[in-house]
Amino acid sequence: MPKMKTKSGAKKRFKLTAKGLVRGQQAGKRHGMIKRSNKFIRNARGTQVLNESDARVVRKFMPYA
């Protein structure tokens, strides 16, 4: 059986923590900042731990991470 390929888009966007949680950028910060609250913009800095249902999909994209 050949080795599975990692999705190159996923490896650029997500990292796995030591406990196996998936970290990624907060969604919704690309444009339209005028209508967003200052609290949202502040809280969306840095990275967030993904929801378990989303993380399950990302782990399939990164079989060797």
PDB file of N, CA and C in Angstrom:
ATOM      1  N   MET A   1       0.845  -1.183   0.000  1.00  0.00           N
ATOM      2  CA  MET A   1       0.000   0.000   0.000  1.00  0.00           C
ATOM      3  C   MET A   1       0.894   1.251   0.000  1.00  0.00           C
ATOM      4  N   PRO A   2       0.674   2.174  -0.938  1.00  0.00           N
ATOM      5  CA  PRO A   2       1.514   3.384  -0.921  1.00  0.00           C
ATOM      6  C   PRO A   2       1.154   4.297   0.244  1.00  0.00           C
ATOM      7  N   LYS A   3       2.108   5.168   0.556  1.00  0.00           N
ATOM      8  CA  LYS A   3       1.850   6.115   1.626  1.00  0.00           C
ATOM      9  C   LYS A   3       0.790   7.120   1.199  1.00  0.00           C
ATOM     10  N   MET A   4       0.008   7.597   2.182  1.00  0.00           N
ATOM     11  CA  MET A   4      -0.995   8.622   1.895  1.00  0.00           C
ATOM     12  C   MET A   4      -0.318   9.975   1.770  1.00  0.00           C
ATOM     13  N   LYS A   5      -0.885  10.820   0.931  1.00  0.00           N
ATOM     14  CA  LYS A   5      -0.349  12.170   0.793  1.00  0.00           C
ATOM     15  C   LYS A   5      -1.042  13.107   1.771  1.00  0.00           C
ATOM     16  N   THR A   6      -0.259  14.043   2.304  1.00  0.00           N
ATOM     17  CA  THR A   6      -0.803  15.103   3.138  1.00  0.00           C
ATOM     18  C   THR A   6      -1.332  16.195   2.228  1.00  0.00           C
ATOM     19  N   LYS A   7      -2.507  16.748   2.555  1.00  0.00           N
ATOM     20  CA  LYS A   7      -3.035  17.885   1.796  1.00  0.00           C
ATOM     21  C   LYS A   7      -2.152  19.086   2.062  1.00  0.00           C
ATOM     22  N   SER A   8      -1.531  19.632   1.026  1.00  0.00           N
ATOM     23  CA  SER A   8      -0.556  20.697   1.239  1.00  0.00           C
ATOM     24  C   SER A   8      -1.208  21.968   1.751  1.00  0.00           C
ATOM     25  N   GLY A   9      -2.479  22.201   1.431  1.00  0.00           N
ATOM     26  CA  GLY A   9      -3.168  23.369   1.977  1.00  0.00           C
ATOM     27  C   GLY A   9      -3.364  23.254   3.467  1.00  0.00           C
ATOM     28  N   ALA A  10      -3.617  22.044   3.950  1.00  0.00           N
ATOM     29  CA  ALA A  10      -3.840  21.833   5.384  1.00  0.00           C
ATOM     30  C   ALA A  10      -2.548  21.980   6.175  1.00  0.00           C
ATOM     31  N   LYS A  11      -1.445  21.501   5.632  1.00  0.00           N
ATOM     32  CA  LYS A  11      -0.191  21.595   6.390  1.00  0.00           C
ATOM     33  C   LYS A  11       0.294  23.029   6.517  1.00  0.00           C
ATOM     34  N   LYS A  12      -0.138  23.912   5.578  1.00  0.00           N
ATOM     35  CA  LYS A  12       0.220  25.323   5.679  1.00  0.00           C
ATOM     36  C   LYS A  12      -0.657  26.070   6.682  1.00  0.00           C
ATOM     37  N   ARG A  13      -1.868  25.583   6.905  1.00  0.00           N
ATOM     38  CA  ARG A  13      -2.846  26.334   7.689  1.00  0.00           C
ATOM     39  C   ARG A  13      -3.038  25.832   9.112  1.00  0.00           C
ATOM     40  N   PHE A  14      -2.693  24.581   9.396  1.00  0.00           N
ATOM     41  CA  PHE A  14      -2.997  23.989  10.694  1.00  0.00           C
ATOM     42  C   PHE A  14      -1.763  23.351  11.301  1.00  0.00           C
ATOM     43  N   LYS A  15      -1.722  23.344  12.630  1.00  0.00           N
ATOM     44  CA  LYS A  15      -0.665  22.660  13.377  1.00  0.00           C
ATOM     45  C   LYS A  15      -1.340  21.793  14.430  1.00  0.00           C
ATOM     46  N   LEU A  16      -0.715  20.662  14.766  1.00  0.00           N
ATOM     47  CA  LEU A  16      -1.214  19.816  15.835  1.00  0.00           C
ATOM     48  C   LEU A  16      -0.427  20.104  17.112  1.00  0.00           C
ATOM     49  N   THR A  17      -1.139  20.207  18.240  1.00  0.00           N
ATOM     50  CA  THR A  17      -0.482  20.409  19.521  1.00  0.00           C
ATOM     51  C   THR A  17       0.034  19.070  20.036  1.00  0.00           C
ATOM     52  N   ALA A  18       0.755  19.109  21.137  1.00  0.00           N
ATOM     53  CA  ALA A  18       1.305  17.884  21.719  1.00  0.00           C
ATOM     54  C   ALA A  18       0.200  16.931  22.161  1.00  0.00           C
ATOM     55  N   LYS A  19      -0.957  17.484  22.569  1.00  0.00           N
ATOM     56  CA  LYS A  19      -2.076  16.643  22.986  1.00  0.00           C
ATOM     57  C   LYS A  19      -2.916  16.157  21.815  1.00  0.00           C
ATOM     58  N   GLY A  20      -2.579  16.595  20.597  1.00  0.00           N
ATOM     59  CA  GLY A  20      -3.321  16.158  19.428  1.00  0.00           C
ATOM     60  C   GLY A  20      -4.453  17.084  19.020  1.00  0.00           C
ATOM     61  N   LEU A  21      -4.571  18.251  19.680  1.00  0.00           N
ATOM     62  CA  LEU A  21      -5.579  19.224  19.277  1.00  0.00           C
ATOM     63  C   LEU A  21      -5.095  19.961  18.043  1.00  0.00           C
ATOM     64  N   VAL A  22      -6.022  20.454  17.250  1.00  0.00           N
ATOM     65  CA  VAL A  22      -5.670  21.146  16.012  1.00  0.00           C
ATOM     66  C   VAL A  22      -5.812  22.647  16.230  1.00  0.00           C
ATOM     67  N   ARG A  23      -4.757  23.381  15.892  1.00  0.00           N
ATOM     68  CA  ARG A  23      -4.776  24.840  16.015  1.00  0.00           C
ATOM     69  C   ARG A  23      -4.796  25.457  14.627  1.00  0.00           C
ATOM     70  N   GLY A  24      -5.564  26.556  14.477  1.00  0.00           N
ATOM     71  CA  GLY A  24      -5.625  27.278  13.218  1.00  0.00           C
ATOM     72  C   GLY A  24      -6.063  28.702  13.454  1.00  0.00           C
ATOM     73  N   GLN A  25      -6.034  29.502  12.407  1.00  0.00           N
ATOM     74  CA  GLN A  25      -6.437  30.896  12.503  1.00  0.00           C
ATOM     75  C   GLN A  25      -7.934  31.001  12.729  1.00  0.00           C
ATOM     76  N   GLN A  26      -8.346  32.058  13.423  1.00  0.00           N
ATOM     77  CA  GLN A  26      -9.761  32.346  13.619  1.00  0.00           C
ATOM     78  C   GLN A  26     -10.371  32.752  12.283  1.00  0.00           C
ATOM     79  N   ALA A  27     -11.514  32.182  11.944  1.00  0.00           N
ATOM     80  CA  ALA A  27     -12.191  32.504  10.686  1.00  0.00           C
ATOM     81  C   ALA A  27     -12.888  33.851  10.794  1.00  0.00           C
ATOM     82  N   GLY A  28     -13.153  34.467   9.650  1.00  0.00           N
ATOM     83  CA  GLY A  28     -13.949  35.684   9.600  1.00  0.00           C
ATOM     84  C   GLY A  28     -13.162  36.962   9.777  1.00  0.00           C
ATOM     85  N   LYS A  29     -11.853  36.952   9.467  1.00  0.00           N
ATOM     86  CA  LYS A  29     -11.053  38.154   9.687  1.00  0.00           C
ATOM     87  C   LYS A  29     -10.368  38.632   8.419  1.00  0.00           C
ATOM     88  N   ARG A  30     -10.891  38.250   7.271  1.00  0.00           N
ATOM     89  CA  ARG A  30     -10.256  38.630   6.003  1.00  0.00           C
ATOM     90  C   ARG A  30     -10.711  40.000   5.515  1.00  0.00           C
ATOM     91  N   HIS A  31     -11.980  40.291   5.650  1.00  0.00           N
ATOM     92  CA  HIS A  31     -12.501  41.575   5.173  1.00  0.00           C
ATOM     93  C   HIS A  31     -13.751  41.909   5.973  1.00  0.00           C
ATOM     94  N   GLY A  32     -14.280  43.128   5.754  1.00  0.00           N
ATOM     95  CA  GLY A  32     -15.493  43.539   6.452  1.00  0.00           C
ATOM     96  C   GLY A  32     -15.262  43.847   7.917  1.00  0.00           C
ATOM     97  N   MET A  33     -14.088  44.408   8.242  1.00  0.00           N
ATOM     98  CA  MET A  33     -13.782  44.679   9.646  1.00  0.00           C
ATOM     99  C   MET A  33     -14.610  45.826  10.222  1.00  0.00           C
ATOM    100  N   ILE A  34     -15.182  46.668   9.357  1.00  0.00           N
ATOM    101  CA  ILE A  34     -15.972  47.804   9.854  1.00  0.00           C
ATOM    102  C   ILE A  34     -17.204  47.296  10.603  1.00  0.00           C
ATOM    103  N   LYS A  35     -17.820  46.247  10.094  1.00  0.00           N
ATOM    104  CA  LYS A  35     -19.034  45.740  10.734  1.00  0.00           C
ATOM    105  C   LYS A  35     -18.756  44.798  11.910  1.00  0.00           C
ATOM    106  N   ARG A  36     -17.500  44.404  12.093  1.00  0.00           N
ATOM    107  CA  ARG A  36     -17.142  43.546  13.226  1.00  0.00           C
ATOM    108  C   ARG A  36     -16.918  44.405  14.468  1.00  0.00           C
ATOM    109  N   SER A  37     -17.193  43.837  15.620  1.00  0.00           N
ATOM    110  CA  SER A  37     -16.961  44.583  16.860  1.00  0.00           C
ATOM    111  C   SER A  37     -15.471  44.551  17.193  1.00  0.00           C
ATOM    112  N   ASN A  38     -15.049  45.547  17.963  1.00  0.00           N
ATOM    113  CA  ASN A  38     -13.649  45.587  18.387  1.00  0.00           C
ATOM    114  C   ASN A  38     -13.299  44.366  19.217  1.00  0.00           C
ATOM    115  N   LYS A  39     -14.253  43.877  19.987  1.00  0.00           N
ATOM    116  CA  LYS A  39     -14.035  42.683  20.806  1.00  0.00           C
ATOM    117  C   LYS A  39     -13.755  41.465  19.934  1.00  0.00           C
ATOM    118  N   PHE A  40     -14.510  41.317  18.847  1.00  0.00           N
ATOM    119  CA  PHE A  40     -14.274  40.189  17.941  1.00  0.00           C
ATOM    120  C   PHE A  40     -12.891  40.273  17.317  1.00  0.00           C
ATOM    121  N   ILE A  41     -12.526  41.457  16.835  1.00  0.00           N
ATOM    122  CA  ILE A  41     -11.230  41.633  16.174  1.00  0.00           C
ATOM    123  C   ILE A  41     -10.095  41.323  17.154  1.00  0.00           C
ATOM    124  N   ARG A  42     -10.248  41.766  18.391  1.00  0.00           N
ATOM    125  CA  ARG A  42      -9.229  41.529  19.419  1.00  0.00           C
ATOM    126  C   ARG A  42      -9.126  40.036  19.730  1.00  0.00           C
ATOM    127  N   ASN A  43     -10.260  39.377  19.886  1.00  0.00           N
ATOM    128  CA  ASN A  43     -10.256  37.961  20.248  1.00  0.00           C
ATOM    129  C   ASN A  43      -9.838  37.054  19.102  1.00  0.00           C
ATOM    130  N   ALA A  44      -9.876  37.577  17.872  1.00  0.00           N
ATOM    131  CA  ALA A  44      -9.551  36.749  16.715  1.00  0.00           C
ATOM    132  C   ALA A  44      -8.072  36.786  16.358  1.00  0.00           C
ATOM    133  N   ARG A  45      -7.260  37.452  17.187  1.00  0.00           N
ATOM    134  CA  ARG A  45      -5.822  37.450  16.941  1.00  0.00           C
ATOM    135  C   ARG A  45      -5.236  36.084  17.239  1.00  0.00           C
ATOM    136  N   GLY A  46      -4.118  35.776  16.592  1.00  0.00           N
ATOM    137  CA  GLY A  46      -3.415  34.540  16.906  1.00  0.00           C
ATOM    138  C   GLY A  46      -4.175  33.315  16.412  1.00  0.00           C
ATOM    139  N   THR A  47      -4.017  32.217  17.101  1.00  0.00           N
ATOM    140  CA  THR A  47      -4.629  30.959  16.680  1.00  0.00           C
ATOM    141  C   THR A  47      -5.641  30.481  17.705  1.00  0.00           C
ATOM    142  N   GLN A  48      -6.548  29.635  17.254  1.00  0.00           N
ATOM    143  CA  GLN A  48      -7.591  29.064  18.099  1.00  0.00           C
ATOM    144  C   GLN A  48      -7.529  27.538  17.977  1.00  0.00           C
ATOM    145  N   VAL A  49      -8.004  26.845  18.992  1.00  0.00           N
ATOM    146  CA  VAL A  49      -8.153  25.390  18.907  1.00  0.00           C
ATOM    147  C   VAL A  49      -9.456  25.106  18.167  1.00  0.00           C
ATOM    148  N   LEU A  50      -9.382  24.243  17.157  1.00  0.00           N
ATOM    149  CA  LEU A  50     -10.556  23.943  16.350  1.00  0.00           C
ATOM    150  C   LEU A  50     -11.554  23.088  17.123  1.00  0.00           C
ATOM    151  N   ASN A  51     -12.810  23.244  16.754  1.00  0.00           N
ATOM    152  CA  ASN A  51     -13.885  22.408  17.269  1.00  0.00           C
ATOM    153  C   ASN A  51     -13.594  20.952  16.893  1.00  0.00           C
ATOM    154  N   GLU A  52     -14.016  20.004  17.714  1.00  0.00           N
ATOM    155  CA  GLU A  52     -13.680  18.594  17.485  1.00  0.00           C
ATOM    156  C   GLU A  52     -14.208  18.083  16.148  1.00  0.00           C
ATOM    157  N   SER A  53     -15.389  18.540  15.733  1.00  0.00           N
ATOM    158  CA  SER A  53     -15.943  18.078  14.456  1.00  0.00           C
ATOM    159  C   SER A  53     -15.113  18.593  13.281  1.00  0.00           C
ATOM    160  N   ASP A  54     -14.593  19.816  13.376  1.00  0.00           N
ATOM    161  CA  ASP A  54     -13.723  20.355  12.325  1.00  0.00           C
ATOM    162  C   ASP A  54     -12.343  19.711  12.396  1.00  0.00           C
ATOM    163  N   ALA A  55     -11.857  19.468  13.601  1.00  0.00           N
ATOM    164  CA  ALA A  55     -10.526  18.893  13.773  1.00  0.00           C
ATOM    165  C   ALA A  55     -10.454  17.478  13.207  1.00  0.00           C
ATOM    166  N   ARG A  56     -11.553  16.744  13.277  1.00  0.00           N
ATOM    167  CA  ARG A  56     -11.588  15.387  12.734  1.00  0.00           C
ATOM    168  C   ARG A  56     -11.320  15.395  11.224  1.00  0.00           C
ATOM    169  N   VAL A  57     -11.858  16.391  10.536  1.00  0.00           N
ATOM    170  CA  VAL A  57     -11.651  16.515   9.093  1.00  0.00           C
ATOM    171  C   VAL A  57     -10.202  16.869   8.800  1.00  0.00           C
ATOM    172  N   VAL A  58      -9.636  17.797   9.570  1.00  0.00           N
ATOM    173  CA  VAL A  58      -8.268  18.237   9.334  1.00  0.00           C
ATOM    174  C   VAL A  58      -7.280  17.092   9.591  1.00  0.00           C
ATOM    175  N   ARG A  59      -7.545  16.275  10.600  1.00  0.00           N
ATOM    176  CA  ARG A  59      -6.642  15.145  10.893  1.00  0.00           C
ATOM    177  C   ARG A  59      -6.597  14.153   9.741  1.00  0.00           C
ATOM    178  N   LYS A  60      -7.708  13.990   9.023  1.00  0.00           N
ATOM    179  CA  LYS A  60      -7.711  13.102   7.862  1.00  0.00           C
ATOM    180  C   LYS A  60      -6.830  13.662   6.742  1.00  0.00           C
ATOM    181  N   PHE A  61      -6.762  14.999   6.656  1.00  0.00           N
ATOM    182  CA  PHE A  61      -5.933  15.633   5.638  1.00  0.00           C
ATOM    183  C   PHE A  61      -4.454  15.534   5.959  1.00  0.00           C
ATOM    184  N   MET A  62      -4.115  15.343   7.250  1.00  0.00           N
ATOM    185  CA  MET A  62      -2.721  15.297   7.692  1.00  0.00           C
ATOM    186  C   MET A  62      -2.453  13.966   8.394  1.00  0.00           C
ATOM    187  N   PRO A  63      -2.311  12.867   7.648  1.00  0.00           N
ATOM    188  CA  PRO A  63      -2.228  11.549   8.284  1.00  0.00           C
ATOM    189  C   PRO A  63      -0.957  11.329   9.102  1.00  0.00           C
ATOM    190  N   TYR A  64       0.118  12.054   8.825  1.00  0.00           N
ATOM    191  CA  TYR A  64       1.379  11.807   9.533  1.00  0.00           C
ATOM    192  C   TYR A  64       1.781  12.933  10.474  1.00  0.00           C
ATOM    193  N   ALA A  65       0.883  13.866  10.729  1.00  0.00           N
ATOM    194  CA  ALA A  65       1.208  15.004  11.606  1.00  0.00           C
ATOM    195  C   ALA A  65       1.164  14.584  13.067  1.00  0.00           C
TER     196      ALA A  65
END
